[in-house]
Amino acid sequence: MADDRVTQTPHTTVIERRGSGGGLLVGLAVLIAVLVAAYFLLVRNDSEVSKNNAITSAAKSVERTADKAGSAIDGEAK
């Protein structure tokens, strides 16, 4: 019978640990939350500006009407 020669060579097993992408997902979620918050703040700011402009316009209209009424009263008093 022939002799079987068994040669054992050492094997190196490399285990790479990688993240599951959880950090990336959390970062993306935070970025989206910041963008949504910024959008709503800008929309609210535009709404406030529009409201302030409408109030200013109404106040000027009331002022003009009061000036006309005052002029009419002064004209009647003379």
PDB file of N, CA and C in Angstrom:
ATOM      1  N   MET A   1       0.824  -1.174   0.000  1.00  0.00           N
ATOM      2  CA  MET A   1       0.000   0.000   0.000  1.00  0.00           C
ATOM      3  C   MET A   1       0.862   1.228   0.000  1.00  0.00           C
ATOM      4  N   ALA A   2       0.327   2.236  -0.591  1.00  0.00           N
ATOM      5  CA  ALA A   2       1.079   3.480  -0.638  1.00  0.00           C
ATOM      6  C   ALA A   2       0.787   4.276   0.612  1.00  0.00           C
ATOM      7  N   ASP A   3       1.809   4.902   1.079  1.00  0.00           N
ATOM      8  CA  ASP A   3       1.618   5.767   2.257  1.00  0.00           C
ATOM      9  C   ASP A   3       1.020   7.094   1.804  1.00  0.00           C
ATOM     10  N   ASP A   4      -0.035   7.473   2.481  1.00  0.00           N
ATOM     11  CA  ASP A   4      -0.642   8.775   2.193  1.00  0.00           C
ATOM     12  C   ASP A   4       0.059   9.820   3.050  1.00  0.00           C
ATOM     13  N   ARG A   5       0.483  10.847   2.378  1.00  0.00           N
ATOM     14  CA  ARG A   5       1.086  11.959   3.121  1.00  0.00           C
ATOM     15  C   ARG A   5       0.059  13.071   3.250  1.00  0.00           C
ATOM     16  N   VAL A   6      -0.209  13.439   4.443  1.00  0.00           N
ATOM     17  CA  VAL A   6      -1.164  14.514   4.699  1.00  0.00           C
ATOM     18  C   VAL A   6      -0.364  15.711   5.188  1.00  0.00           C
ATOM     19  N   THR A   7      -0.468  16.765   4.458  1.00  0.00           N
ATOM     20  CA  THR A   7       0.227  17.983   4.845  1.00  0.00           C
ATOM     21  C   THR A   7      -0.835  18.991   5.289  1.00  0.00           C
ATOM     22  N   GLN A   8      -0.676  19.457   6.464  1.00  0.00           N
ATOM     23  CA  GLN A   8      -1.633  20.442   6.966  1.00  0.00           C
ATOM     24  C   GLN A   8      -1.001  21.819   6.845  1.00  0.00           C
ATOM     25  N   THR A   9      -1.655  22.636   6.133  1.00  0.00           N
ATOM     26  CA  THR A   9      -1.186  24.011   6.012  1.00  0.00           C
ATOM     27  C   THR A   9      -2.085  24.886   6.872  1.00  0.00           C
ATOM     28  N   PRO A  10      -1.501  25.826   7.529  1.00  0.00           N
ATOM     29  CA  PRO A  10      -2.334  26.697   8.379  1.00  0.00           C
ATOM     30  C   PRO A  10      -3.199  27.612   7.509  1.00  0.00           C
ATOM     31  N   HIS A  11      -4.413  27.790   7.935  1.00  0.00           N
ATOM     32  CA  HIS A  11      -5.339  28.685   7.242  1.00  0.00           C
ATOM     33  C   HIS A  11      -5.553  29.907   8.124  1.00  0.00           C
ATOM     34  N   THR A  12      -5.580  31.025   7.491  1.00  0.00           N
ATOM     35  CA  THR A  12      -5.851  32.265   8.203  1.00  0.00           C
ATOM     36  C   THR A  12      -7.256  32.708   7.844  1.00  0.00           C
ATOM     37  N   THR A  13      -8.058  32.892   8.855  1.00  0.00           N
ATOM     38  CA  THR A  13      -9.424  33.365   8.648  1.00  0.00           C
ATOM     39  C   THR A  13      -9.469  34.833   9.027  1.00  0.00           C
ATOM     40  N   VAL A  14      -9.906  35.646   8.093  1.00  0.00           N
ATOM     41  CA  VAL A  14     -10.003  37.083   8.322  1.00  0.00           C
ATOM     42  C   VAL A  14     -11.479  37.424   8.484  1.00  0.00           C
ATOM     43  N   ILE A  15     -11.789  38.032   9.589  1.00  0.00           N
ATOM     44  CA  ILE A  15     -13.167  38.448   9.845  1.00  0.00           C
ATOM     45  C   ILE A  15     -13.189  39.973   9.824  1.00  0.00           C
ATOM     46  N   GLU A  16     -13.916  40.504   8.879  1.00  0.00           N
ATOM     47  CA  GLU A  16     -14.035  41.958   8.790  1.00  0.00           C
ATOM     48  C   GLU A  16     -15.343  42.366   9.436  1.00  0.00           C
ATOM     49  N   ARG A  17     -15.236  43.298  10.297  1.00  0.00           N
ATOM     50  CA  ARG A  17     -16.452  43.796  10.936  1.00  0.00           C
ATOM     51  C   ARG A  17     -16.832  45.105  10.269  1.00  0.00           C
ATOM     52  N   ARG A  18     -18.015  45.126   9.822  1.00  0.00           N
ATOM     53  CA  ARG A  18     -18.516  46.325   9.177  1.00  0.00           C
ATOM     54  C   ARG A  18     -19.797  46.736   9.880  1.00  0.00           C
ATOM     55  N   GLY A  19     -20.045  48.022   9.851  1.00  0.00           N
ATOM     56  CA  GLY A  19     -21.301  48.496  10.415  1.00  0.00           C
ATOM     57  C   GLY A  19     -22.450  48.079   9.526  1.00  0.00           C
ATOM     58  N   SER A  20     -23.596  48.030  10.093  1.00  0.00           N
ATOM     59  CA  SER A  20     -24.763  47.627   9.321  1.00  0.00           C
ATOM     60  C   SER A  20     -25.361  48.796   8.551  1.00  0.00           C
ATOM     61  N   GLY A  21     -24.756  49.960   8.636  1.00  0.00           N
ATOM     62  CA  GLY A  21     -25.302  51.129   7.969  1.00  0.00           C
ATOM     63  C   GLY A  21     -26.254  51.902   8.856  1.00  0.00           C
ATOM     64  N   GLY A  22     -26.353  51.507  10.112  1.00  0.00           N
ATOM     65  CA  GLY A  22     -27.261  52.190  11.038  1.00  0.00           C
ATOM     66  C   GLY A  22     -26.875  53.641  11.258  1.00  0.00           C
ATOM     67  N   GLY A  23     -25.583  53.894  11.349  1.00  0.00           N
ATOM     68  CA  GLY A  23     -25.117  55.269  11.540  1.00  0.00           C
ATOM     69  C   GLY A  23     -25.466  56.144  10.351  1.00  0.00           C
ATOM     70  N   LEU A  24     -25.351  55.576   9.177  1.00  0.00           N
ATOM     71  CA  LEU A  24     -25.701  56.311   7.967  1.00  0.00           C
ATOM     72  C   LEU A  24     -27.189  56.626   7.946  1.00  0.00           C
ATOM     73  N   LEU A  25     -28.002  55.671   8.340  1.00  0.00           N
ATOM     74  CA  LEU A  25     -29.451  55.896   8.361  1.00  0.00           C
ATOM     75  C   LEU A  25     -29.845  56.945   9.392  1.00  0.00           C
ATOM     76  N   VAL A  26     -29.211  56.908  10.549  1.00  0.00           N
ATOM     77  CA  VAL A  26     -29.502  57.910  11.583  1.00  0.00           C
ATOM     78  C   VAL A  26     -29.088  59.297  11.092  1.00  0.00           C
ATOM     79  N   GLY A  27     -27.920  59.391  10.471  1.00  0.00           N
ATOM     80  CA  GLY A  27     -27.463  60.675   9.933  1.00  0.00           C
ATOM     81  C   GLY A  27     -28.407  61.205   8.871  1.00  0.00           C
ATOM     82  N   LEU A  28     -28.874  60.325   8.010  1.00  0.00           N
ATOM     83  CA  LEU A  28     -29.812  60.728   6.969  1.00  0.00           C
ATOM     84  C   LEU A  28     -31.135  61.188   7.574  1.00  0.00           C
ATOM     85  N   ALA A  29     -31.606  60.497   8.597  1.00  0.00           N
ATOM     86  CA  ALA A  29     -32.857  60.889   9.262  1.00  0.00           C
ATOM     87  C   ALA A  29     -32.720  62.258   9.928  1.00  0.00           C
ATOM     88  N   VAL A  30     -31.579  62.510  10.550  1.00  0.00           N
ATOM     89  CA  VAL A  30     -31.346  63.816  11.188  1.00  0.00           C
ATOM     90  C   VAL A  30     -31.301  64.912  10.134  1.00  0.00           C
ATOM     91  N   LEU A  31     -30.649  64.650   9.013  1.00  0.00           N
ATOM     92  CA  LEU A  31     -30.576  65.637   7.930  1.00  0.00           C
ATOM     93  C   LEU A  31     -31.971  65.962   7.403  1.00  0.00           C
ATOM     94  N   ILE A  32     -32.785  64.944   7.206  1.00  0.00           N
ATOM     95  CA  ILE A  32     -34.147  65.173   6.722  1.00  0.00           C
ATOM     96  C   ILE A  32     -34.952  65.974   7.738  1.00  0.00           C
ATOM     97  N   ALA A  33     -34.801  65.664   9.016  1.00  0.00           N
ATOM     98  CA  ALA A  33     -35.522  66.401  10.060  1.00  0.00           C
ATOM     99  C   ALA A  33     -35.115  67.874  10.062  1.00  0.00           C
ATOM    100  N   VAL A  34     -33.839  68.150   9.898  1.00  0.00           N
ATOM    101  CA  VAL A  34     -33.359  69.541   9.870  1.00  0.00           C
ATOM    102  C   VAL A  34     -33.921  70.265   8.652  1.00  0.00           C
ATOM    103  N   LEU A  35     -33.931  69.605   7.505  1.00  0.00           N
ATOM    104  CA  LEU A  35     -34.476  70.239   6.299  1.00  0.00           C
ATOM    105  C   LEU A  35     -35.967  70.530   6.426  1.00  0.00           C
ATOM    106  N   VAL A  36     -36.722  69.608   7.010  1.00  0.00           N
ATOM    107  CA  VAL A  36     -38.164  69.822   7.203  1.00  0.00           C
ATOM    108  C   VAL A  36     -38.399  70.976   8.174  1.00  0.00           C
ATOM    109  N   ALA A  37     -37.637  71.016   9.259  1.00  0.00           N
ATOM    110  CA  ALA A  37     -37.786  72.108  10.237  1.00  0.00           C
ATOM    111  C   ALA A  37     -37.447  73.449   9.598  1.00  0.00           C
ATOM    112  N   ALA A  38     -36.386  73.493   8.802  1.00  0.00           N
ATOM    113  CA  ALA A  38     -36.007  74.752   8.137  1.00  0.00           C
ATOM    114  C   ALA A  38     -37.100  75.196   7.172  1.00  0.00           C
ATOM    115  N   TYR A  39     -37.680  74.244   6.450  1.00  0.00           N
ATOM    116  CA  TYR A  39     -38.761  74.576   5.518  1.00  0.00           C
ATOM    117  C   TYR A  39     -39.944  75.209   6.255  1.00  0.00           C
ATOM    118  N   PHE A  40     -40.362  74.578   7.353  1.00  0.00           N
ATOM    119  CA  PHE A  40     -41.509  75.116   8.085  1.00  0.00           C
ATOM    120  C   PHE A  40     -41.196  76.469   8.709  1.00  0.00           C
ATOM    121  N   LEU A  41     -39.967  76.673   9.160  1.00  0.00           N
ATOM    122  CA  LEU A  41     -39.609  77.983   9.702  1.00  0.00           C
ATOM    123  C   LEU A  41     -39.647  79.052   8.617  1.00  0.00           C
ATOM    124  N   LEU A  42     -39.175  78.713   7.419  1.00  0.00           N
ATOM    125  CA  LEU A  42     -39.205  79.687   6.332  1.00  0.00           C
ATOM    126  C   LEU A  42     -40.630  79.990   5.892  1.00  0.00           C
ATOM    127  N   VAL A  43     -41.466  78.972   5.826  1.00  0.00           N
ATOM    128  CA  VAL A  43     -42.860  79.184   5.434  1.00  0.00           C
ATOM    129  C   VAL A  43     -43.567  80.035   6.481  1.00  0.00           C
ATOM    130  N   ARG A  44     -43.294  79.751   7.746  1.00  0.00           N
ATOM    131  CA  ARG A  44     -43.914  80.539   8.818  1.00  0.00           C
ATOM    132  C   ARG A  44     -43.443  81.985   8.752  1.00  0.00           C
ATOM    133  N   ASN A  45     -42.164  82.179   8.474  1.00  0.00           N
ATOM    134  CA  ASN A  45     -41.623  83.530   8.385  1.00  0.00           C
ATOM    135  C   ASN A  45     -42.286  84.284   7.235  1.00  0.00           C
ATOM    136  N   ASP A  46     -42.459  83.628   6.079  1.00  0.00           N
ATOM    137  CA  ASP A  46     -43.135  84.269   4.958  1.00  0.00           C
ATOM    138  C   ASP A  46     -44.579  84.597   5.316  1.00  0.00           C
ATOM    139  N   SER A  47     -45.219  83.715   6.066  1.00  0.00           N
ATOM    140  CA  SER A  47     -46.590  83.946   6.498  1.00  0.00           C
ATOM    141  C   SER A  47     -46.661  85.154   7.428  1.00  0.00           C
ATOM    142  N   GLU A  48     -45.696  85.252   8.338  1.00  0.00           N
ATOM    143  CA  GLU A  48     -45.660  86.400   9.258  1.00  0.00           C
ATOM    144  C   GLU A  48     -45.449  87.697   8.484  1.00  0.00           C
ATOM    145  N   VAL A  49     -44.577  87.677   7.491  1.00  0.00           N
ATOM    146  CA  VAL A  49     -44.316  88.872   6.690  1.00  0.00           C
ATOM    147  C   VAL A  49     -45.578  89.278   5.937  1.00  0.00           C
ATOM    148  N   SER A  50     -46.260  88.298   5.353  1.00  0.00           N
ATOM    149  CA  SER A  50     -47.495  88.601   4.626  1.00  0.00           C
ATOM    150  C   SER A  50     -48.552  89.178   5.557  1.00  0.00           C
ATOM    151  N   LYS A  51     -48.661  88.596   6.750  1.00  0.00           N
ATOM    152  CA  LYS A  51     -49.641  89.086   7.722  1.00  0.00           C
ATOM    153  C   LYS A  51     -49.291  90.519   8.143  1.00  0.00           C
ATOM    154  N   ASN A  52     -48.020  90.779   8.392  1.00  0.00           N
ATOM    155  CA  ASN A  52     -47.611  92.124   8.787  1.00  0.00           C
ATOM    156  C   ASN A  52     -47.865  93.133   7.671  1.00  0.00           C
ATOM    157  N   ASN A  53     -47.616  92.740   6.429  1.00  0.00           N
ATOM    158  CA  ASN A  53     -47.881  93.636   5.299  1.00  0.00           C
ATOM    159  C   ASN A  53     -49.369  93.934   5.177  1.00  0.00           C
ATOM    160  N   ALA A  54     -50.211  92.935   5.393  1.00  0.00           N
ATOM    161  CA  ALA A  54     -51.654  93.145   5.317  1.00  0.00           C
ATOM    162  C   ALA A  54     -52.119  94.084   6.420  1.00  0.00           C
ATOM    163  N   ILE A  55     -51.590  93.925   7.613  1.00  0.00           N
ATOM    164  CA  ILE A  55     -51.966  94.804   8.732  1.00  0.00           C
ATOM    165  C   ILE A  55     -51.509  96.229   8.462  1.00  0.00           C
ATOM    166  N   THR A  56     -50.304  96.377   7.932  1.00  0.00           N
ATOM    167  CA  THR A  56     -49.790  97.714   7.617  1.00  0.00           C
ATOM    168  C   THR A  56     -50.660  98.379   6.554  1.00  0.00           C
ATOM    169  N   SER A  57     -51.037  97.624   5.537  1.00  0.00           N
ATOM    170  CA  SER A  57     -51.888  98.173   4.480  1.00  0.00           C
ATOM    171  C   SER A  57     -53.247  98.593   5.031  1.00  0.00           C
ATOM    172  N   ALA A  58     -53.817  97.765   5.887  1.00  0.00           N
ATOM    173  CA  ALA A  58     -55.114  98.101   6.487  1.00  0.00           C
ATOM    174  C   ALA A  58     -54.992  99.344   7.367  1.00  0.00           C
ATOM    175  N   ALA A  59     -53.916  99.459   8.108  1.00  0.00           N
ATOM    176  CA  ALA A  59     -53.725 100.625   8.978  1.00  0.00           C
ATOM    177  C   ALA A  59     -53.579 101.901   8.155  1.00  0.00           C
ATOM    178  N   LYS A  60     -52.885 101.802   7.021  1.00  0.00           N
ATOM    179  CA  LYS A  60     -52.740 102.982   6.161  1.00  0.00           C
ATOM    180  C   LYS A  60     -54.076 103.382   5.557  1.00  0.00           C
ATOM    181  N   SER A  61     -54.884 102.388   5.212  1.00  0.00           N
ATOM    182  CA  SER A  61     -56.210 102.670   4.666  1.00  0.00           C
ATOM    183  C   SER A  61     -57.083 103.364   5.710  1.00  0.00           C
ATOM    184  N   VAL A  62     -57.016 102.886   6.940  1.00  0.00           N
ATOM    185  CA  VAL A  62     -57.778 103.517   8.027  1.00  0.00           C
ATOM    186  C   VAL A  62     -57.276 104.938   8.257  1.00  0.00           C
ATOM    187  N   GLU A  63     -55.978 105.125   8.162  1.00  0.00           N
ATOM    188  CA  GLU A  63     -55.404 106.461   8.360  1.00  0.00           C
ATOM    189  C   GLU A  63     -55.909 107.430   7.283  1.00  0.00           C
ATOM    190  N   ARG A  64     -55.911 106.982   6.023  1.00  0.00           N
ATOM    191  CA  ARG A  64     -56.398 107.842   4.938  1.00  0.00           C
ATOM    192  C   ARG A  64     -57.878 108.188   5.132  1.00  0.00           C
ATOM    193  N   THR A  65     -58.659 107.190   5.543  1.00  0.00           N
ATOM    194  CA  THR A  65     -60.082 107.431   5.771  1.00  0.00           C
ATOM    195  C   THR A  65     -60.283 108.417   6.922  1.00  0.00           C
ATOM    196  N   ALA A  66     -59.501 108.266   7.977  1.00  0.00           N
ATOM    197  CA  ALA A  66     -59.610 109.187   9.117  1.00  0.00           C
ATOM    198  C   ALA A  66     -59.200 110.596   8.712  1.00  0.00           C
ATOM    199  N   ASP A  67     -58.182 110.704   7.871  1.00  0.00           N
ATOM    200  CA  ASP A  67     -57.768 112.037   7.400  1.00  0.00           C
ATOM    201  C   ASP A  67     -58.872 112.682   6.576  1.00  0.00           C
ATOM    202  N   LYS A  68     -59.522 111.901   5.735  1.00  0.00           N
ATOM    203  CA  LYS A  68     -60.629 112.438   4.927  1.00  0.00           C
ATOM    204  C   LYS A  68     -61.784 112.863   5.829  1.00  0.00           C
ATOM    205  N   ALA A  69     -62.092 112.039   6.823  1.00  0.00           N
ATOM    206  CA  ALA A  69     -63.183 112.378   7.746  1.00  0.00           C
ATOM    207  C   ALA A  69     -62.823 113.637   8.534  1.00  0.00           C
ATOM    208  N   GLY A  70     -61.577 113.738   8.951  1.00  0.00           N
ATOM    209  CA  GLY A  70     -61.151 114.932   9.685  1.00  0.00           C
ATOM    210  C   GLY A  70     -61.228 116.177   8.824  1.00  0.00           C
ATOM    211  N   SER A  71     -60.840 116.044   7.561  1.00  0.00           N
ATOM    212  CA  SER A  71     -60.925 117.187   6.643  1.00  0.00           C
ATOM    213  C   SER A  71     -62.382 117.585   6.415  1.00  0.00           C
ATOM    214  N   ALA A  72     -63.245 116.599   6.295  1.00  0.00           N
ATOM    215  CA  ALA A  72     -64.668 116.901   6.073  1.00  0.00           C
ATOM    216  C   ALA A  72     -65.251 117.581   7.299  1.00  0.00           C
ATOM    217  N   ILE A  73     -64.861 117.145   8.478  1.00  0.00           N
ATOM    218  CA  ILE A  73     -65.375 117.768   9.707  1.00  0.00           C
ATOM    219  C   ILE A  73     -64.852 119.185   9.822  1.00  0.00           C
ATOM    220  N   ASP A  74     -63.564 119.376   9.499  1.00  0.00           N
ATOM    221  CA  ASP A  74     -62.997 120.738   9.540  1.00  0.00           C
ATOM    222  C   ASP A  74     -63.701 121.639   8.537  1.00  0.00           C
ATOM    223  N   GLY A  75     -64.043 121.114   7.372  1.00  0.00           N
ATOM    224  CA  GLY A  75     -64.750 121.899   6.331  1.00  0.00           C
ATOM    225  C   GLY A  75     -66.141 122.282   6.780  1.00  0.00           C
ATOM    226  N   GLU A  76     -66.824 121.442   7.499  1.00  0.00           N
ATOM    227  CA  GLU A  76     -68.174 121.719   7.962  1.00  0.00           C
ATOM    228  C   GLU A  76     -68.137 122.728   9.115  1.00  0.00           C
ATOM    229  N   ALA A  77     -67.064 122.693   9.908  1.00  0.00           N
ATOM    230  CA  ALA A  77     -66.988 123.567  11.072  1.00  0.00           C
ATOM    231  C   ALA A  77     -66.728 124.994  10.651  1.00  0.00           C
ATOM    232  N   LYS A  78     -66.188 125.255   9.513  1.00  0.00           N
ATOM    233  CA  LYS A  78     -65.871 126.621   9.107  1.00  0.00           C
ATOM    234  C   LYS A  78     -67.018 127.342   8.551  1.00  0.00           C
TER     235      LYS A  78
END
